[in-house]
Amino acid sequence: MSVLEKVRPVRTPAPEREPRVTDQHGRRIRAGELAWRYLLLLAVLALTVGPFLWQLATSLKSPTEDIYSSPPSFLPAHPTLHNYTRVAGTIPVWDYALNSLKVATANVATNCVGSALAGYALARLRFRGRRVTTLVFVLAMLVPVEGIVIAQFTTMRELGLNNTLVGVVLPGAVGAMNVLLMRNAFRNLPYEIEEAAYVDGANVWQRFLRVALPSVKGTVAVVAIFAFMGAWDDFLWPLIVLSDPSRFTLTIGLNYLHGTFANDERLVAAGTVIAVAPLIALFACLQRYFFRGVGEGAVKG
């Protein structure tokens, strides 16, 4: 053994530290607090997703299974799709779904285009009465739908749009909340980006279409989801303005299942799943843009 090896101290390996769970500020989360957080998340998950899973399981149960058994059986013993074919045989569910799809698609198009234009004007353009206009949109959110439904129905009747799908779409073509969402998204964009485009000779439309709008795709996705859900789930206004069964939307058509076949919960559950499935598909396609829209425009100029 050399002299250096005698003098050099023997290094002992450092003890391995247990992995720590920290929050967004780097502070350690205790095990008890972490357990309470997970329990709370599981409770919220059960309250939100549980009813839909119960409806899905009920729609897959055969007529011989007891859906009111004690203790309740969540999973169907003999899964079947017969209840869905019974829904299609009881009411023209696909025709109703097509009418709802037309209304929802038109609502998404009008809200995305109209809200983007109005939001950009309120956030970027300088004109007299801009603050008053913004206040009007804020006050429009405070007015309940029940308070203006008679005026809307009278307007549609005077325009000759009663009992038409256009009359269903028109009152919700541009939502006040969607306009304010787009305004906030455009307002939080750095002004330097548009100033550089202005120096390069871009006009207002070019700055809107090529600079501002591509930067707020997440908020546009949020507006699209809200507009689709609002039009797809709307029941009161289509019930008032429509009288021809061939133009009924899906929410009105499924009401016949609750009235005539109220005791057959399997049939009602199958109709509910048919109505909810497009919303889940839409959110699955736009979820990455949806969550990106939450933090969009965080960098201020």
Foldseek 3Di string as FASTA:
>chain_A
DDPVVVPDDDDDDDDDDDDFDADPVRDGDDPVRVVVVVVVVVVVCCVPCVVLLQLVQLLQADPVDDCPDVVGDSHHPHGDNVLLVVLCVVFVLVLQAVLLVVLLVQLLVLALVVLLVLLCCLQPNDDPCSVVVLVVLVVVVVDDPVVCLVVLLVVCVVVVNFQHSCSLNPVNSHHSVLNVLNNVLLNLAEPVQVVVVVVVPDDPVCCSPPPRVVLQLLSSLVSSLVSSVCSLQDDVNQVVRHDDVSNHHLNVRLVVCCVPVVVSSNNSSSSVCVSCVVSVVSCVVNVVSNVVNVCGSVHHD
